[in-house]
Amino acid sequence: MSSEHTDLELFIKDQVERWKQIRTVEKKAEKQISVVTISSEPGSGGQLVAREVAKKLSFDLFERDIVKKIAESVHISDTVIHTMEKKRLSGIEDFLSSLVNDRYLWPGLYLEHLMKVIGVIGKHGRAVIVGRGANFIIPPKEALSVRLVAPLDVRVRNIAKAFEISPQAAKKRVMNRESNRRAFCRQSFNANLSDPCNYDLVINTQWISIDTAVQTICAALESSNG
């Protein structure tokens, strides 16, 4: 077993223990939105914002690579899915079935597990989920959906600086990732990743700092629960 796979299993084991500890919640708290989904254009600061939002709210952070690996590992996916009691899990499955029918999806094993895993994370709550089309999976009334954007030249500069690569290499990296993300959401959810109507909040990080973006998201979440 690879160390990467072992690390993922340890992460899930720790997460399951967290969920057990907060399983008993008041009905009032259950009605509140405690999930933030963050979608971002490559180089616009999505992961930085997600980490700071999670830290500020004391939420668990599920970054796109972690969610993808969970969905790809059937064993680990099942561990996550089985943390949900049957009644609530059946509710998730009913919603996902309607989503499949409404969007005319034909999910394979990966997409099926991805949808269930994100659905379960969403139901447990107190989570920030980055990418993987989470905003297309969790019911709109159960999460604050955020999109971070910035002009291409700004994003290229950010990537070039972050990875210490040339502007040409940075632009290629940005364009490839952007193309892959658009294709994933189009093929998986029959949805346009860039349509602002798919989000509750769209933030342009060219003009808004990371700190201000974090404050804005936390304020929007608090307002939605007011």
C-alpha atoms as a PDB file:
ATOM      1  CA  MET A   1       0.000   0.000   0.000  1.00  0.00           C
ATOM      2  CA  SER A   2       1.429   3.395  -0.967  1.00  0.00           C
ATOM      3  CA  SER A   3       2.066   6.046   1.666  1.00  0.00           C
ATOM      4  CA  GLU A   4      -0.277   8.367  -0.240  1.00  0.00           C
ATOM      5  CA  HIS A   5      -3.121   5.848   0.085  1.00  0.00           C
ATOM      6  CA  THR A   6      -2.279   5.271   3.756  1.00  0.00           C
ATOM      7  CA  ASP A   7      -2.326   9.031   4.408  1.00  0.00           C
ATOM      8  CA  LEU A   8      -5.765   9.248   2.800  1.00  0.00           C
ATOM      9  CA  GLU A   9      -7.110   6.421   4.964  1.00  0.00           C
ATOM     10  CA  LEU A  10      -5.740   8.129   8.080  1.00  0.00           C
ATOM     11  CA  PHE A  11      -7.381  11.380   6.995  1.00  0.00           C
ATOM     12  CA  ILE A  12     -10.735   9.626   6.570  1.00  0.00           C
ATOM     13  CA  LYS A  13     -10.386   7.773   9.885  1.00  0.00           C
ATOM     14  CA  ASP A  14      -9.800  11.087  11.649  1.00  0.00           C
ATOM     15  CA  GLN A  15     -12.708  12.671   9.770  1.00  0.00           C
ATOM     16  CA  VAL A  16     -15.103   9.873  10.707  1.00  0.00           C
ATOM     17  CA  GLU A  17     -14.218  10.414  14.374  1.00  0.00           C
ATOM     18  CA  ARG A  18     -14.950  14.136  13.975  1.00  0.00           C
ATOM     19  CA  TRP A  19     -18.354  13.366  12.462  1.00  0.00           C
ATOM     20  CA  LYS A  20     -19.185  10.998  15.321  1.00  0.00           C
ATOM     21  CA  GLN A  21     -18.425  13.720  17.842  1.00  0.00           C
ATOM     22  CA  ILE A  22     -20.727  16.278  16.200  1.00  0.00           C
ATOM     23  CA  ARG A  23     -23.474  13.871  15.086  1.00  0.00           C
ATOM     24  CA  THR A  24     -25.883  15.035  17.774  1.00  0.00           C
ATOM     25  CA  VAL A  25     -26.912  18.563  16.865  1.00  0.00           C
ATOM     26  CA  GLU A  26     -29.924  20.729  17.638  1.00  0.00           C
ATOM     27  CA  LYS A  27     -32.700  20.887  15.059  1.00  0.00           C
ATOM     28  CA  LYS A  28     -32.103  24.611  14.710  1.00  0.00           C
ATOM     29  CA  ALA A  29     -28.459  24.024  13.836  1.00  0.00           C
ATOM     30  CA  GLU A  30     -29.458  21.419  11.242  1.00  0.00           C
ATOM     31  CA  LYS A  31     -31.462  24.039   9.370  1.00  0.00           C
ATOM     32  CA  GLN A  32     -28.493  26.354   9.102  1.00  0.00           C
ATOM     33  CA  ILE A  33     -26.145  26.313   6.138  1.00  0.00           C
ATOM     34  CA  SER A  34     -22.746  25.063   7.280  1.00  0.00           C
ATOM     35  CA  VAL A  35     -21.187  24.149   3.933  1.00  0.00           C
ATOM     36  CA  VAL A  36     -19.232  26.389   1.571  1.00  0.00           C
ATOM     37  CA  THR A  37     -18.372  25.191  -1.926  1.00  0.00           C
ATOM     38  CA  ILE A  38     -15.581  27.022  -3.692  1.00  0.00           C
ATOM     39  CA  SER A  39     -15.017  26.928  -7.431  1.00  0.00           C
ATOM     40  CA  SER A  40     -12.242  29.002  -8.935  1.00  0.00           C
ATOM     41  CA  GLU A  41     -10.490  29.914 -12.125  1.00  0.00           C
ATOM     42  CA  PRO A  42      -6.901  28.587 -11.985  1.00  0.00           C
ATOM     43  CA  GLY A  43      -4.643  31.202 -10.421  1.00  0.00           C
ATOM     44  CA  SER A  44      -7.440  33.236  -8.836  1.00  0.00           C
ATOM     45  CA  GLY A  45      -6.620  32.119  -5.293  1.00  0.00           C
ATOM     46  CA  GLY A  46      -9.331  29.535  -4.727  1.00  0.00           C
ATOM     47  CA  GLN A  47      -7.358  27.184  -2.482  1.00  0.00           C
ATOM     48  CA  LEU A  48      -5.888  30.045  -0.439  1.00  0.00           C
ATOM     49  CA  VAL A  49      -9.344  31.466   0.174  1.00  0.00           C
ATOM     50  CA  ALA A  50     -10.786  28.030   0.977  1.00  0.00           C
ATOM     51  CA  ARG A  51      -8.103  27.319   3.573  1.00  0.00           C
ATOM     52  CA  GLU A  52      -8.599  30.675   5.269  1.00  0.00           C
ATOM     53  CA  VAL A  53     -12.396  30.352   5.270  1.00  0.00           C
ATOM     54  CA  ALA A  54     -12.135  26.874   6.811  1.00  0.00           C
ATOM     55  CA  LYS A  55      -9.728  28.173   9.433  1.00  0.00           C
ATOM     56  CA  LYS A  56     -11.868  31.202  10.290  1.00  0.00           C
ATOM     57  CA  LEU A  57     -15.068  29.150  10.597  1.00  0.00           C
ATOM     58  CA  SER A  58     -13.388  26.096  12.190  1.00  0.00           C
ATOM     59  CA  PHE A  59     -14.801  23.984   9.339  1.00  0.00           C
ATOM     60  CA  ASP A  60     -13.189  20.888   7.846  1.00  0.00           C
ATOM     61  CA  LEU A  61     -11.457  21.472   4.519  1.00  0.00           C
ATOM     62  CA  PHE A  62     -11.912  19.075   1.606  1.00  0.00           C
ATOM     63  CA  GLU A  63      -9.641  20.144  -1.224  1.00  0.00           C
ATOM     64  CA  ARG A  64     -10.301  18.948  -4.769  1.00  0.00           C
ATOM     65  CA  ASP A  65      -7.478  16.407  -4.842  1.00  0.00           C
ATOM     66  CA  ILE A  66      -8.636  14.818  -1.587  1.00  0.00           C
ATOM     67  CA  VAL A  67     -12.239  14.549  -2.772  1.00  0.00           C
ATOM     68  CA  LYS A  68     -11.085  13.089  -6.086  1.00  0.00           C
ATOM     69  CA  LYS A  69      -8.949  10.435  -4.379  1.00  0.00           C
ATOM     70  CA  ILE A  70     -11.778   9.476  -2.029  1.00  0.00           C
ATOM     71  CA  ALA A  71     -14.156   9.037  -4.962  1.00  0.00           C
ATOM     72  CA  GLU A  72     -11.589   6.982  -6.898  1.00  0.00           C
ATOM     73  CA  SER A  73     -11.041   4.565  -3.991  1.00  0.00           C
ATOM     74  CA  VAL A  74     -14.188   2.442  -3.638  1.00  0.00           C
ATOM     75  CA  HIS A  75     -13.116   1.186  -0.210  1.00  0.00           C
ATOM     76  CA  ILE A  76     -12.539   4.679   1.174  1.00  0.00           C
ATOM     77  CA  SER A  77     -15.688   6.023  -0.529  1.00  0.00           C
ATOM     78  CA  ASP A  78     -17.756   3.341   1.179  1.00  0.00           C
ATOM     79  CA  THR A  79     -16.223   4.267   4.539  1.00  0.00           C
ATOM     80  CA  VAL A  80     -17.351   7.864   4.056  1.00  0.00           C
ATOM     81  CA  ILE A  81     -20.794   6.945   2.721  1.00  0.00           C
ATOM     82  CA  HIS A  82     -21.518   4.535   5.573  1.00  0.00           C
ATOM     83  CA  THR A  83     -21.059   7.299   8.152  1.00  0.00           C
ATOM     84  CA  MET A  84     -24.553   8.497   7.224  1.00  0.00           C
ATOM     85  CA  GLU A  85     -27.530   6.805   8.877  1.00  0.00           C
ATOM     86  CA  LYS A  86     -29.794   4.966   6.425  1.00  0.00           C
ATOM     87  CA  LYS A  87     -32.660   7.449   6.507  1.00  0.00           C
ATOM     88  CA  ARG A  88     -30.501  10.448   5.669  1.00  0.00           C
ATOM     89  CA  LEU A  89     -28.437   8.468   3.157  1.00  0.00           C
ATOM     90  CA  SER A  90     -31.596   7.438   1.313  1.00  0.00           C
ATOM     91  CA  GLY A  91     -32.523  11.130   1.158  1.00  0.00           C
ATOM     92  CA  ILE A  92     -29.170  11.886  -0.452  1.00  0.00           C
ATOM     93  CA  GLU A  93     -29.625   9.048  -2.934  1.00  0.00           C
ATOM     94  CA  ASP A  94     -33.118  10.277  -3.849  1.00  0.00           C
ATOM     95  CA  PHE A  95     -31.774  13.779  -4.501  1.00  0.00           C
ATOM     96  CA  LEU A  96     -28.867  12.458  -6.571  1.00  0.00           C
ATOM     97  CA  SER A  97     -31.272  10.313  -8.617  1.00  0.00           C
ATOM     98  CA  SER A  98     -33.339  13.397  -9.395  1.00  0.00           C
ATOM     99  CA  LEU A  99     -30.147  15.272 -10.295  1.00  0.00           C
ATOM    100  CA  VAL A 100     -29.149  12.506 -12.701  1.00  0.00           C
ATOM    101  CA  ASN A 101     -32.598  12.533 -14.299  1.00  0.00           C
ATOM    102  CA  ASP A 102     -32.891  16.319 -14.483  1.00  0.00           C
ATOM    103  CA  ARG A 103     -29.474  16.743 -16.069  1.00  0.00           C
ATOM    104  CA  TYR A 104     -29.693  13.582 -18.187  1.00  0.00           C
ATOM    105  CA  LEU A 105     -26.522  12.178 -16.650  1.00  0.00           C
ATOM    106  CA  TRP A 106     -25.115   8.691 -17.122  1.00  0.00           C
ATOM    107  CA  PRO A 107     -22.694   8.504 -14.188  1.00  0.00           C
ATOM    108  CA  GLY A 108     -19.945   5.900 -14.164  1.00  0.00           C
ATOM    109  CA  LEU A 109     -18.535   4.421 -10.964  1.00  0.00           C
ATOM    110  CA  TYR A 110     -16.274   7.414 -10.278  1.00  0.00           C
ATOM    111  CA  LEU A 111     -19.019  10.008 -10.731  1.00  0.00           C
ATOM    112  CA  GLU A 112     -21.455   7.909  -8.713  1.00  0.00           C
ATOM    113  CA  HIS A 113     -19.033   7.744  -5.791  1.00  0.00           C
ATOM    114  CA  LEU A 114     -18.070  11.410  -6.190  1.00  0.00           C
ATOM    115  CA  MET A 115     -21.706  12.491  -5.970  1.00  0.00           C
ATOM    116  CA  LYS A 116     -22.395  10.328  -2.914  1.00  0.00           C
ATOM    117  CA  VAL A 117     -19.191  11.371  -1.133  1.00  0.00           C
ATOM    118  CA  ILE A 118     -19.862  15.081  -1.650  1.00  0.00           C
ATOM    119  CA  GLY A 119     -23.508  14.551  -0.714  1.00  0.00           C
ATOM    120  CA  VAL A 120     -22.479  12.889   2.557  1.00  0.00           C
ATOM    121  CA  ILE A 121     -19.894  15.581   3.358  1.00  0.00           C
ATOM    122  CA  GLY A 122     -22.591  18.165   2.708  1.00  0.00           C
ATOM    123  CA  LYS A 123     -25.054  16.457   5.041  1.00  0.00           C
ATOM    124  CA  HIS A 124     -22.485  16.205   7.830  1.00  0.00           C
ATOM    125  CA  GLY A 125     -21.862  19.934   7.374  1.00  0.00           C
ATOM    126  CA  ARG A 126     -19.210  22.253   8.811  1.00  0.00           C
ATOM    127  CA  ALA A 127     -17.168  21.829   5.644  1.00  0.00           C
ATOM    128  CA  VAL A 128     -15.482  23.813   2.910  1.00  0.00           C
ATOM    129  CA  ILE A 129     -15.383  21.812  -0.322  1.00  0.00           C
ATOM    130  CA  VAL A 130     -13.069  22.907  -3.130  1.00  0.00           C
ATOM    131  CA  GLY A 131     -13.888  22.084  -6.748  1.00  0.00           C
ATOM    132  CA  ARG A 132     -15.066  18.711  -8.101  1.00  0.00           C
ATOM    133  CA  GLY A 133     -18.392  20.315  -9.074  1.00  0.00           C
ATOM    134  CA  ALA A 134     -19.610  20.311  -5.462  1.00  0.00           C
ATOM    135  CA  ASN A 135     -21.942  23.234  -6.136  1.00  0.00           C
ATOM    136  CA  PHE A 136     -23.735  21.124  -8.769  1.00  0.00           C
ATOM    137  CA  ILE A 137     -24.188  18.224  -6.328  1.00  0.00           C
ATOM    138  CA  ILE A 138     -25.244  19.732  -3.002  1.00  0.00           C
ATOM    139  CA  PRO A 139     -28.810  21.145  -3.046  1.00  0.00           C
ATOM    140  CA  PRO A 140     -28.703  24.938  -3.532  1.00  0.00           C
ATOM    141  CA  LYS A 141     -30.422  25.649  -0.196  1.00  0.00           C
ATOM    142  CA  GLU A 142     -27.875  23.581   1.721  1.00  0.00           C
ATOM    143  CA  ALA A 143     -24.625  25.345   0.799  1.00  0.00           C
ATOM    144  CA  LEU A 144     -23.149  28.734   0.038  1.00  0.00           C
ATOM    145  CA  SER A 145     -21.722  28.423  -3.460  1.00  0.00           C
ATOM    146  CA  VAL A 146     -18.760  30.686  -4.284  1.00  0.00           C
ATOM    147  CA  ARG A 147     -16.867  31.310  -7.521  1.00  0.00           C
ATOM    148  CA  LEU A 148     -13.504  33.119  -7.610  1.00  0.00           C
ATOM    149  CA  VAL A 149     -12.377  34.745 -10.846  1.00  0.00           C
ATOM    150  CA  ALA A 150      -9.676  37.078 -12.156  1.00  0.00           C
ATOM    151  CA  PRO A 151      -8.454  38.273 -15.574  1.00  0.00           C
ATOM    152  CA  LEU A 152      -6.163  35.852 -17.394  1.00  0.00           C
ATOM    153  CA  ASP A 153      -3.061  38.055 -17.153  1.00  0.00           C
ATOM    154  CA  VAL A 154      -3.493  38.365 -13.382  1.00  0.00           C
ATOM    155  CA  ARG A 155      -3.859  34.622 -12.973  1.00  0.00           C
ATOM    156  CA  VAL A 156      -0.835  33.937 -15.153  1.00  0.00           C
ATOM    157  CA  ARG A 157       1.280  36.267 -13.003  1.00  0.00           C
ATOM    158  CA  ASN A 158       0.032  34.563  -9.844  1.00  0.00           C
ATOM    159  CA  ILE A 159       0.909  31.096 -11.134  1.00  0.00           C
ATOM    160  CA  ALA A 160       4.302  32.190 -12.483  1.00  0.00           C
ATOM    161  CA  LYS A 161       5.173  33.656  -9.079  1.00  0.00           C
ATOM    162  CA  ALA A 162       3.787  30.748  -7.036  1.00  0.00           C
ATOM    163  CA  PHE A 163       5.584  28.031  -9.021  1.00  0.00           C
ATOM    164  CA  GLU A 164       8.616  30.090 -10.080  1.00  0.00           C
ATOM    165  CA  ILE A 165       8.053  29.393 -13.767  1.00  0.00           C
ATOM    166  CA  SER A 166       8.065  31.523 -16.901  1.00  0.00           C
ATOM    167  CA  PRO A 167       4.970  33.472 -17.972  1.00  0.00           C
ATOM    168  CA  GLN A 168       4.692  31.197 -21.003  1.00  0.00           C
ATOM    169  CA  ALA A 169       4.722  28.050 -18.870  1.00  0.00           C
ATOM    170  CA  ALA A 170       2.313  29.643 -16.401  1.00  0.00           C
ATOM    171  CA  LYS A 171      -0.138  30.559 -19.149  1.00  0.00           C
ATOM    172  CA  LYS A 172      -0.043  27.024 -20.537  1.00  0.00           C
ATOM    173  CA  ARG A 173      -0.667  25.612 -17.061  1.00  0.00           C
ATOM    174  CA  VAL A 174      -3.611  27.970 -16.469  1.00  0.00           C
ATOM    175  CA  MET A 175      -5.209  27.296 -19.850  1.00  0.00           C
ATOM    176  CA  ASN A 176      -4.853  23.514 -19.525  1.00  0.00           C
ATOM    177  CA  ARG A 177      -6.346  23.424 -16.042  1.00  0.00           C
ATOM    178  CA  GLU A 178      -9.162  25.742 -17.018  1.00  0.00           C
ATOM    179  CA  SER A 179      -9.984  23.629 -20.049  1.00  0.00           C
ATOM    180  CA  ASN A 180      -9.947  20.431 -17.977  1.00  0.00           C
ATOM    181  CA  ARG A 181     -12.212  21.877 -15.296  1.00  0.00           C
ATOM    182  CA  ARG A 182     -14.730  23.165 -17.846  1.00  0.00           C
ATOM    183  CA  ALA A 183     -14.760  19.809 -19.621  1.00  0.00           C
ATOM    184  CA  PHE A 184     -15.188  17.909 -16.352  1.00  0.00           C
ATOM    185  CA  CYS A 185     -18.244  19.928 -15.308  1.00  0.00           C
ATOM    186  CA  ARG A 186     -19.737  19.839 -18.793  1.00  0.00           C
ATOM    187  CA  GLN A 187     -19.289  16.090 -19.142  1.00  0.00           C
ATOM    188  CA  SER A 188     -20.115  15.184 -15.530  1.00  0.00           C
ATOM    189  CA  PHE A 189     -22.960  17.582 -14.749  1.00  0.00           C
ATOM    190  CA  ASN A 190     -24.028  18.959 -18.120  1.00  0.00           C
ATOM    191  CA  ALA A 191     -23.296  22.389 -16.671  1.00  0.00           C
ATOM    192  CA  ASN A 192     -21.422  25.549 -17.606  1.00  0.00           C
ATOM    193  CA  LEU A 193     -18.731  26.121 -14.984  1.00  0.00           C
ATOM    194  CA  SER A 194     -18.478  29.829 -15.841  1.00  0.00           C
ATOM    195  CA  ASP A 195     -22.166  30.717 -15.641  1.00  0.00           C
ATOM    196  CA  PRO A 196     -22.485  33.140 -12.688  1.00  0.00           C
ATOM    197  CA  CYS A 197     -26.063  31.967 -12.142  1.00  0.00           C
ATOM    198  CA  ASN A 198     -24.617  28.699 -10.815  1.00  0.00           C
ATOM    199  CA  TYR A 199     -23.211  30.534  -7.772  1.00  0.00           C
ATOM    200  CA  ASP A 200     -24.461  32.577  -4.823  1.00  0.00           C
ATOM    201  CA  LEU A 201     -21.369  34.757  -4.798  1.00  0.00           C
ATOM    202  CA  VAL A 202     -18.771  35.613  -7.468  1.00  0.00           C
ATOM    203  CA  ILE A 203     -15.601  37.406  -6.350  1.00  0.00           C
ATOM    204  CA  ASN A 204     -13.003  39.020  -8.627  1.00  0.00           C
ATOM    205  CA  THR A 205      -9.663  38.678  -6.850  1.00  0.00           C
ATOM    206  CA  GLN A 206      -8.027  41.210  -9.137  1.00  0.00           C
ATOM    207  CA  TRP A 207      -9.557  43.953  -6.996  1.00  0.00           C
ATOM    208  CA  ILE A 208     -10.459  42.097  -3.812  1.00  0.00           C
ATOM    209  CA  SER A 209      -7.727  40.783  -1.529  1.00  0.00           C
ATOM    210  CA  ILE A 210      -7.687  37.255  -0.145  1.00  0.00           C
ATOM    211  CA  ASP A 211      -8.488  38.581   3.344  1.00  0.00           C
ATOM    212  CA  THR A 212     -11.433  40.617   2.058  1.00  0.00           C
ATOM    213  CA  ALA A 213     -12.699  37.648   0.043  1.00  0.00           C
ATOM    214  CA  VAL A 214     -12.591  35.483   3.188  1.00  0.00           C
ATOM    215  CA  GLN A 215     -14.438  38.123   5.211  1.00  0.00           C
ATOM    216  CA  THR A 216     -17.046  38.509   2.450  1.00  0.00           C
ATOM    217  CA  ILE A 217     -17.710  34.765   2.267  1.00  0.00           C
ATOM    218  CA  CYS A 218     -18.024  34.433   6.043  1.00  0.00           C
ATOM    219  CA  ALA A 219     -20.361  37.436   6.171  1.00  0.00           C
ATOM    220  CA  ALA A 220     -22.496  35.988   3.352  1.00  0.00           C
ATOM    221  CA  LEU A 221     -22.749  32.669   5.205  1.00  0.00           C
ATOM    222  CA  GLU A 222     -23.746  34.400   8.421  1.00  0.00           C
ATOM    223  CA  SER A 223     -26.329  36.485   6.540  1.00  0.00           C
ATOM    224  CA  SER A 224     -27.846  33.426   4.880  1.00  0.00           C
ATOM    225  CA  ASN A 225     -28.387  31.901   8.332  1.00  0.00           C
ATOM    226  CA  GLY A 226     -29.837  35.094   9.757  1.00  0.00           C
END
